[in-house]
Protein backbone atom coordinates (compact mmCIF):
# COMPACT_ATOMS: atom_id res chain seq x y z
CA LEU A 1 106.29 125.13 83.19
CA GLY A 2 104.21 122.21 84.48
CA ILE A 3 105.61 122.46 88.00
CA PRO A 4 102.96 121.81 90.67
CA CYS A 5 102.91 124.33 93.51
CA LEU A 6 101.88 123.23 96.98
CA TYR A 7 100.51 125.52 99.66
CA GLU A 8 100.72 124.87 103.38
CA ASP A 9 98.77 126.43 106.23
CA GLN A 10 101.18 128.62 108.16
CA GLY A 11 101.40 131.03 111.06
CA MET A 12 98.50 132.99 112.43
CA TYR A 13 96.98 134.42 109.25
CA VAL A 14 97.09 131.96 106.34
CA ASN A 15 95.97 129.18 108.60
CA GLY A 16 92.86 127.50 109.91
CA ILE A 17 90.16 125.87 107.85
CA GLU A 18 88.40 129.17 107.13
CA GLY A 19 91.46 131.41 106.65
CA PHE A 20 93.48 128.94 104.60
CA GLY A 21 90.33 128.01 102.71
CA ARG A 22 89.80 131.59 101.53
CA TYR A 23 93.46 131.89 100.56
CA PHE A 24 93.60 128.56 98.73
CA ALA A 25 90.33 129.24 96.87
CA GLU A 26 91.90 132.40 95.45
CA VAL A 27 95.05 130.50 94.46
CA LYS A 28 92.96 127.84 92.69
CA LYS A 29 91.18 130.54 90.65
CA ARG A 30 94.55 131.51 89.16
CA ALA A 31 96.26 128.16 88.61
CA SER A 32 95.31 124.56 88.00
CA ASN A 33 98.60 122.95 89.03
CA VAL A 34 98.22 123.54 92.78
CA GLY A 35 97.76 121.37 95.82
CA VAL A 36 97.81 121.37 99.61
CA CYS A 37 100.63 120.31 101.88
CA ALA A 38 98.62 119.10 104.87
CA ASP A 39 100.57 119.64 108.09
CA SER A 40 99.44 117.93 111.28
CA GLY A 41 100.95 120.59 113.52
CA ASN A 42 100.61 124.01 111.90
CA ILE A 43 96.83 124.10 112.40
CA MET A 44 97.41 123.92 116.16
CA PHE A 45 98.82 127.48 116.09
CA VAL A 46 95.29 128.76 115.41
CA ASP A 47 93.76 126.49 118.07
CA GLU A 48 92.25 124.03 115.60
CA THR A 49 93.01 120.33 115.17
CA PRO A 50 94.48 118.66 112.10
CA ALA A 51 92.00 115.90 111.18
CA PRO A 52 89.20 118.36 110.28
CA PHE A 53 91.74 120.36 108.23
CA PHE A 54 92.81 117.20 106.38
CA GLU A 55 89.13 116.40 105.77
CA ALA A 56 88.34 119.91 104.50
CA PHE A 57 91.16 119.83 101.93
CA LYS A 58 91.25 116.10 101.19
CA ASP A 59 90.61 116.59 97.46
CA ASP A 60 93.73 118.75 97.15
CA ILE A 61 96.27 117.02 99.45
CA LYS A 62 99.45 116.25 97.52
CA HIS A 63 102.00 116.14 100.36
CA VAL A 64 101.80 115.60 104.14
CA HIS A 65 103.93 116.76 107.06
CA MET A 66 103.55 114.89 110.33
CA LYS A 67 104.61 116.22 113.73
CA ASP A 68 103.22 116.37 117.25
CA TYR A 69 102.79 118.89 120.09
CA LEU A 70 101.86 119.14 123.71
CA TRP A 71 99.18 121.78 124.36
CA LYS A 72 98.80 123.92 127.46
CA GLU A 73 96.19 126.51 128.31
CA GLY A 74 97.08 129.79 129.92
CA PRO A 75 98.50 133.22 129.30
CA GLU A 76 102.03 132.64 130.64
CA SER A 77 104.71 130.64 128.86
CA PRO A 78 105.30 127.28 130.54
CA GLY A 79 109.02 127.63 129.71
CA LYS A 80 111.64 126.75 127.17
CA TYR A 81 110.48 125.25 123.84
CA TRP A 82 106.86 126.43 124.25
CA LEU A 83 105.35 128.46 121.38
CA PRO A 84 102.27 130.73 121.53
CA THR A 85 99.01 130.07 119.69
CA ARG A 86 96.64 132.70 118.32
CA GLY A 87 94.24 132.07 121.19
CA GLY A 88 96.86 132.66 123.88
CA HIS A 89 97.68 129.01 124.59
CA TRP A 90 100.99 127.17 124.26
CA LEU A 91 102.45 124.37 122.12
CA ARG A 92 105.63 122.41 122.65
CA PRO A 93 107.07 120.18 119.93
CA VAL A 94 107.48 116.58 121.10
CA LEU A 95 108.28 113.15 119.72
CA THR A 96 105.55 112.01 117.33
CA GLY A 97 103.05 110.04 119.40
CA ASP A 98 103.80 111.80 122.70
CA GLY A 99 101.58 114.82 122.08
CA VAL A 100 97.91 115.68 121.70
CA ILE A 101 97.58 115.33 117.93
CA ASP A 102 95.22 112.53 116.95
CA LEU A 103 97.56 110.81 114.51
CA LYS A 104 95.08 108.01 113.86
CA ALA A 105 92.36 110.46 112.80
CA CYS A 106 94.79 112.19 110.41
CA MET A 107 95.89 108.89 108.91
CA ASP A 108 92.26 107.73 108.64
CA VAL A 109 91.48 110.74 106.42
CA LEU A 110 94.48 109.94 104.24
CA LYS A 111 93.43 106.28 103.97
CA SER A 112 89.87 107.31 103.07
CA ILE A 113 91.13 109.21 100.01
CA GLY A 114 93.63 106.54 98.99
CA TYR A 115 96.53 108.88 99.61
CA ASP A 116 99.82 107.37 98.44
CA GLY A 117 101.95 110.49 98.16
CA PRO A 118 104.88 111.74 100.23
CA LEU A 119 104.70 111.82 104.00
CA ALA A 120 107.48 113.86 105.63
CA LEU A 121 108.40 113.82 109.29
CA GLU A 122 108.87 117.27 110.78
CA LEU A 123 110.90 116.75 113.89
CA ASP A 124 111.40 120.09 115.60
CA HIS A 125 111.35 118.70 119.13
CA PRO A 126 114.39 119.15 121.40
CA GLU A 127 114.83 115.40 121.94
CA PRO A 128 117.50 113.58 119.86
CA PHE A 129 116.67 113.42 116.15
CA GLU A 130 117.33 109.68 115.82
CA GLU A 131 114.91 108.89 118.65
CA GLY A 132 112.30 111.07 116.96
CA VAL A 133 112.60 109.25 113.65
CA ARG A 134 112.31 105.80 115.24
CA GLN A 135 109.29 106.74 117.33
CA ALA A 136 107.50 108.57 114.51
CA ILE A 137 107.85 105.61 112.15
CA LYS A 138 106.62 103.23 114.86
CA HIS A 139 103.51 105.31 115.58
CA LEU A 140 102.62 106.20 112.02
CA ARG A 141 103.01 102.64 110.69
CA GLN A 142 100.42 101.37 113.12
CA TYR A 143 97.84 103.74 111.61
CA PHE A 144 98.68 103.60 107.91
């Protein structure tokens, strides 16, 4: 039907450069109208960082999701809003620019490939939505 299908690294299994890479390679064998939705936060759930993921799939990026997290080591939950990683660590969604994600490195990869496609903000932090939008735009504009 000519509809492009995008695939995004997710969860604990179809995620990470190696795991998502195997999955996406199989998808590409079966269809030519596919691409990657590069997400700056999902990769953190398998204890990897986003810039190397963006670099690994740069030829296939067709859409981008930007978000940010705090990261904490340790087996016990630090409290409300913290989510577990595959390696037994913890992530907490925060305002874009307040977390540990190297936004500049992600944006540098996108600039290096001349990316001019959609960039969506994923704001799943508990802070007010409006504040999240303002801060995300401020931080991302300085890098792109």
